[in-house]
Protein backbone atom coordinates (compact mmCIF):
# COMPACT_ATOMS: atom_id res chain seq x y z
CA LYS A 1 -23.52 -26.28 5.19
CA GLY A 2 -20.85 -24.46 3.33
CA TRP A 3 -23.48 -22.24 2.06
CA ARG A 4 -24.90 -21.74 5.49
CA VAL A 5 -21.33 -20.55 6.64
CA LEU A 6 -20.94 -18.25 3.63
CA GLN A 7 -24.16 -16.61 4.27
CA LYS A 8 -23.31 -16.03 7.93
CA HIS A 9 -19.97 -14.34 6.73
CA LEU A 10 -21.79 -11.99 4.37
CA ASP A 11 -24.25 -10.99 6.95
CA ASP A 12 -21.54 -10.28 9.49
CA ASN A 13 -19.43 -8.45 7.03
CA SER A 14 -16.37 -10.78 8.27
CA THR A 15 -13.51 -12.35 6.75
CA ILE A 16 -13.30 -16.02 5.61
CA GLU A 17 -10.49 -18.11 4.60
CA GLY A 18 -10.21 -19.66 0.96
CA THR A 19 -7.60 -21.53 -1.16
CA ILE A 20 -6.77 -20.33 -4.53
CA ARG A 21 -7.20 -23.57 -6.90
CA GLY A 22 -6.92 -21.90 -10.26
CA PHE A 23 -7.21 -18.60 -12.47
CA ASN A 24 -8.43 -17.53 -15.70
CA LYS A 25 -8.04 -14.07 -17.51
CA GLY A 26 -10.83 -12.66 -15.33
CA GLY A 27 -9.22 -13.75 -11.96
CA ALA A 28 -8.82 -16.35 -9.44
CA VAL A 29 -10.82 -19.35 -8.86
CA VAL A 30 -10.92 -20.15 -4.90
CA ASP A 31 -12.31 -22.92 -2.59
CA VAL A 32 -14.29 -21.61 0.27
CA GLU A 33 -16.00 -24.04 2.62
CA GLY A 34 -16.03 -26.68 -0.10
CA ILE A 35 -17.75 -24.16 -2.60
CA GLN A 36 -16.28 -22.58 -5.58
CA GLY A 37 -16.01 -18.89 -5.76
CA PHE A 38 -14.29 -16.25 -7.86
CA VAL A 39 -12.10 -13.32 -7.02
CA PRO A 40 -12.01 -10.71 -9.94
CA LEU A 41 -8.41 -9.20 -10.77
CA SER A 42 -9.66 -5.96 -9.29
CA GLN A 43 -10.15 -7.54 -5.89
CA LEU A 44 -6.91 -9.44 -5.79
CA ALA A 45 -4.28 -7.93 -3.46
CA PRO A 46 -1.51 -6.12 -5.35
CA VAL A 47 1.54 -8.29 -5.82
CA ASP A 48 5.08 -6.89 -6.15
CA ARG A 49 6.08 -7.75 -9.77
CA GLY A 50 9.87 -7.56 -8.75
CA SER A 51 11.77 -6.94 -11.63
CA GLY A 52 8.65 -6.43 -13.82
CA ASP A 53 9.32 -9.43 -16.15
CA LEU A 54 6.47 -11.43 -14.78
CA SER A 55 3.28 -11.43 -16.44
CA GLN A 56 -0.41 -11.43 -14.71
CA GLU A 57 -0.83 -15.13 -15.59
CA ASP A 58 2.72 -15.91 -14.09
CA ILE A 59 1.71 -14.09 -10.84
CA LEU A 60 -1.55 -15.87 -10.38
CA ALA A 61 -0.02 -19.39 -11.33
CA GLN A 62 2.36 -18.76 -8.32
CA ARG A 63 -0.36 -18.16 -6.26
CA VAL A 64 -2.15 -21.40 -6.91
CA GLY A 65 -2.54 -23.33 -3.52
CA GLN A 66 -2.16 -20.25 -1.36
CA LEU A 67 -4.50 -19.75 1.60
CA ILE A 68 -5.85 -16.36 1.47
CA GLN A 69 -8.19 -14.13 3.62
CA LEU A 70 -11.48 -12.94 1.80
CA ARG A 71 -14.61 -10.90 2.20
CA LEU A 72 -17.81 -11.74 0.47
CA LEU A 73 -19.21 -9.31 -2.11
CA GLU A 74 -22.00 -11.51 -3.59
CA LEU A 75 -23.66 -14.74 -2.78
CA ASP A 76 -26.35 -16.21 -4.93
CA ARG A 77 -26.87 -20.13 -3.95
CA ARG A 78 -29.66 -20.68 -6.79
CA ARG A 79 -27.04 -19.52 -9.43
CA ARG A 80 -24.12 -21.07 -7.61
CA ARG A 81 -22.39 -17.59 -7.64
CA VAL A 82 -20.01 -16.56 -5.08
CA VAL A 83 -17.72 -13.51 -5.60
CA LEU A 84 -15.10 -12.47 -3.06
CA SER A 85 -12.51 -9.86 -2.60
CA GLU A 86 -8.94 -10.11 -1.11
CA ARG A 87 -8.42 -6.39 -1.23
CA LEU A 88 -11.51 -5.68 1.21
CA ALA A 89 -10.12 -8.47 3.69
CA LEU A 90 -6.50 -6.98 3.63
CA GLN A 91 -8.15 -3.27 4.12
CA ARG A 92 -10.12 -4.67 7.15
CA GLN A 93 -6.86 -6.33 8.56
CA ARG A 94 -4.99 -3.21 8.02
CA GLU A 95 -7.69 -1.12 9.94
CA GLN A 96 -7.69 -3.61 12.85
CA GLU A 97 -3.79 -3.21 12.96
CA LYS A 98 -4.14 0.46 12.84
CA ASP A 99 -6.54 0.50 15.58
CA ARG A 100 -4.13 -1.68 17.87
CA LEU A 101 -1.09 0.61 16.97
CA LEU A 102 -3.03 3.81 17.65
CA GLN A 103 -3.63 2.52 21.16
CA GLU A 104 -0.15 1.35 21.72
CA LEU A 105 1.82 4.24 20.37
CA THR A 106 3.05 6.83 22.76
CA GLU A 107 4.06 10.47 21.54
CA GLY A 108 7.73 10.88 22.25
CA GLU A 109 8.76 7.18 21.70
CA THR A 110 11.00 5.81 18.98
CA ARG A 111 9.84 3.04 16.59
CA LYS A 112 11.34 1.16 13.58
CA GLY A 113 9.37 1.40 10.33
CA ARG A 114 9.81 0.96 6.49
CA VAL A 115 9.32 3.67 3.81
CA ASN A 116 6.50 2.56 1.76
CA GLY A 117 5.59 5.92 0.06
CA ILE A 118 7.11 9.19 -0.99
CA SER A 119 5.27 12.38 -2.00
CA THR A 120 6.30 15.96 -2.56
CA PHE A 121 5.08 16.88 0.95
CA GLY A 122 6.70 13.91 2.94
CA VAL A 123 7.38 10.31 3.53
CA PHE A 124 4.92 7.65 4.67
CA VAL A 125 6.37 4.77 6.82
CA ASP A 126 4.91 1.71 7.82
CA LEU A 127 5.17 1.00 11.55
CA GLY A 128 3.93 -2.37 11.25
CA GLY A 129 0.15 -2.36 10.35
CA ALA A 130 -0.25 1.36 10.11
CA ASP A 131 1.26 4.37 8.16
CA GLY A 132 2.61 7.31 9.58
CA LEU A 133 3.71 10.47 7.95
CA VAL A 134 7.15 12.30 8.10
CA HIS A 135 6.22 15.59 6.80
CA ILE A 136 9.02 17.29 4.88
CA SER A 137 9.65 19.94 7.42
CA GLU A 138 10.44 16.96 9.92
CA LEU A 139 12.96 15.06 7.55
CA SER A 140 15.97 17.36 8.70
CA TRP A 141 16.88 20.31 10.69
CA GLY A 142 18.24 21.74 7.39
CA ALA A 143 16.31 22.69 4.33
CA VAL A 144 15.13 19.78 2.19
CA ARG A 145 14.23 20.28 -1.49
CA SER A 146 12.86 16.72 -1.92
CA PRO A 147 12.42 13.93 0.36
CA GLU A 148 14.35 11.64 -1.90
CA GLU A 149 17.58 13.73 -0.70
CA ILE A 150 16.95 12.02 2.73
CA VAL A 151 15.33 8.73 2.25
CA GLN A 152 14.55 6.03 -0.54
CA LEU A 153 11.57 3.67 -0.98
CA GLY A 154 11.94 0.53 1.04
CA ASP A 155 14.43 2.27 3.43
CA GLU A 156 14.39 0.79 7.11
CA LEU A 157 14.49 3.69 9.57
CA GLU A 158 14.00 4.75 13.28
CA VAL A 159 11.27 7.48 13.55
CA TYR A 160 10.22 9.53 16.39
CA ILE A 161 6.32 9.59 17.21
CA LEU A 162 5.60 13.21 17.08
CA LYS A 163 1.79 12.99 17.49
CA VAL A 164 -1.14 10.39 17.48
CA ASP A 165 -4.53 11.70 16.54
CA GLN A 166 -7.19 9.27 17.52
CA ASP A 167 -9.89 11.18 16.25
CA SER A 168 -8.45 11.64 12.74
CA ARG A 169 -6.40 8.20 12.80
CA LYS A 170 -3.40 10.03 11.96
CA ILE A 171 0.25 9.38 12.98
CA ALA A 172 2.86 12.11 12.70
CA LEU A 173 6.50 11.17 12.67
CA SER A 174 9.79 12.60 12.73
CA LEU A 175 13.29 12.01 11.59
CA ARG A 176 14.96 15.18 12.54
CA ARG A 177 13.82 14.91 16.21
CA LEU A 178 16.16 11.89 16.76
CA GLN A 179 18.96 14.18 15.93
CA PRO A 180 20.47 17.18 18.10
CA GLU A 181 18.96 20.48 17.15
CA PRO A 182 22.06 22.41 15.44
CA TRP A 183 21.69 25.37 17.58
CA GLN A 184 21.98 23.31 20.72
CA THR A 185 25.53 22.26 19.83
CA VAL A 186 26.48 25.25 17.73
CA THR A 187 29.32 26.16 20.34
CA GLU A 188 30.86 22.76 19.86
CA ARG A 189 31.66 23.54 16.23
CA TYR A 190 32.18 27.33 16.19
CA GLU A 191 33.66 30.15 18.35
CA VAL A 192 34.17 33.81 18.16
CA GLY A 193 36.75 34.78 16.08
CA GLN A 194 36.62 31.92 13.72
CA LEU A 195 36.55 32.34 9.90
CA VAL A 196 34.06 30.45 8.04
CA GLU A 197 32.42 30.32 4.71
CA GLY A 198 28.67 31.25 4.17
CA ILE A 199 26.13 31.90 1.35
CA VAL A 200 24.00 35.02 1.53
CA THR A 201 20.44 33.93 1.61
CA LYS A 202 18.64 37.25 2.29
CA LEU A 203 19.26 40.99 2.10
CA THR A 204 17.36 43.33 4.20
CA THR A 205 17.92 47.25 4.95
CA PHE A 206 19.93 46.56 7.96
CA GLY A 207 22.12 43.95 6.66
CA ALA A 208 22.50 40.49 5.05
CA PHE A 209 21.66 36.97 6.38
CA ALA A 210 24.28 34.18 5.51
CA ARG A 211 23.96 30.32 6.21
CA ILE A 212 27.05 28.76 7.39
CA GLU A 213 25.48 25.28 7.72
CA ASP A 214 22.11 23.50 6.77
CA SER A 215 19.91 25.31 9.46
CA VAL A 216 22.44 27.76 11.15
CA GLU A 217 22.08 31.50 9.61
CA GLY A 218 23.84 34.53 10.86
CA LEU A 219 23.53 38.27 10.45
CA ILE A 220 26.11 40.42 8.82
CA HIS A 221 25.10 43.92 9.98
CA ILE A 222 25.41 46.61 7.55
CA SER A 223 28.12 47.98 9.60
CA GLU A 224 30.20 45.00 9.10
CA LEU A 225 29.84 44.60 5.51
CA SER A 226 32.44 47.39 4.61
CA ASN A 227 34.75 50.06 6.08
CA ARG A 228 33.03 52.63 3.92
CA MET A 229 29.53 54.04 4.54
CA ILE A 230 26.93 52.20 2.33
CA GLY A 231 23.32 52.92 1.97
CA HIS A 232 22.05 49.24 1.41
CA PRO A 233 23.87 45.80 1.35
CA LYS A 234 23.20 45.20 -2.06
CA GLU A 235 26.11 47.67 -2.79
CA ILE A 236 28.47 45.10 -1.53
CA VAL A 237 26.93 41.59 -1.70
CA GLY A 238 24.04 39.69 -3.37
CA GLU A 239 21.87 36.76 -2.52
CA GLY A 240 23.73 33.55 -3.41
CA ASP A 241 26.95 35.02 -2.94
CA VAL A 242 29.71 32.68 -1.07
CA LEU A 243 31.63 34.67 1.20
CA ARG A 244 34.40 34.30 3.89
CA LEU A 245 33.19 35.73 7.18
CA LYS A 246 34.30 36.09 10.71
CA ILE A 247 32.24 35.11 13.79
CA ILE A 248 31.68 37.96 16.15
CA ARG A 249 28.99 36.79 18.34
CA ILE A 250 27.23 33.49 19.17
CA GLU A 251 23.87 33.52 21.12
CA PRO A 252 22.64 29.85 20.88
CA GLU A 253 19.83 30.44 23.33
CA ARG A 254 18.43 33.10 21.23
CA ARG A 255 19.55 31.46 17.96
CA ARG A 256 21.62 34.29 16.66
CA LEU A 257 24.97 34.58 15.31
CA GLY A 258 27.03 37.81 14.39
CA LEU A 259 29.26 37.81 11.39
CA SER A 260 31.28 40.16 9.84
CA LEU A 261 32.72 40.56 6.22
CA LYS A 262 35.23 43.54 6.71
CA GLN A 263 36.70 42.01 9.82
CA ALA A 264 37.14 38.69 7.87
CA GLU A 265 39.08 40.48 4.94
CA GLU A 266 41.03 42.19 7.61
CA SER A 267 41.98 38.98 9.18
CA TRP A 268 42.57 37.33 5.75
C-alpha cells in the first residue's frame, strides 16, 4: 500500500509527509508511508547555523524525529530505492503562498515584513510567503549610497505596496512612501530670510545648486553669488563646498528654492 501511495504522489507531482529517522554523510534517512527513503544533502532545506559553530552532523542530528514535507524525485520498487527532496517541497509551498499573496495584496496598502536579502540595487522583504523588492530609490527620499545605510538583514519593518504585477509575479515595495515627501513640508522647516548651511552639488553657467537637506536642493543664481560681476560660478564656488546661504524664495509646488550667497555674507 505504501508503494502505491508513493507512486501516486510521484505521478501527481505532489508533496508527501515524512519523518527523519537518521542520517549519514550523504543526507537524511526518512520514513514515508512505512517505507525508508533518502534525502540527499543537496535536497535538504537550508538551515540557519546560528553562530556557525554547529557542524553538518550536529544540524542533522537535531532534526531527527522531525516531520517534514517532501517531493519524490525517484521511485524504484524493485530496488527498494526512494529519493526525495525537501527543497522542492518548500519551493512548491512558497509558490502557493506567493499565489495567495498576489491575490490578496492591494497597491497602496501597508504590510509588515522582514528583510531577508540585501543587494546593491535594493532590499528583499519577506511578506509572509513571498518576497517583494524595495528598490534603492524607494528606500528614502534622500540619496542612498548603500541599502545598509537604511536597513539591516533581519529587520522587521512596515512597507508600502507600490505595485503588484500578476504577470511577472513581482511585488514592488517602498519605504519612503510611508514618510512625507520633504517638499510637501519644506515651509514647516524653512522660511524666506533664514540662514542655512548648504553643500554645492552642481555648477552650471547660470548658477550653482546647493543641497540644504537630503532631497531638498536650491539654486544660487549667478547674480546671487557675489557683488562683483563674474563670468562663471566656478570663480566663486566649487562642487563640494559647504556654504552659509540665505533663503530668498520658496516654491514648494514647483520644488524650487532660491538661495543667495552674497546676501548671507551681508547678513552675517
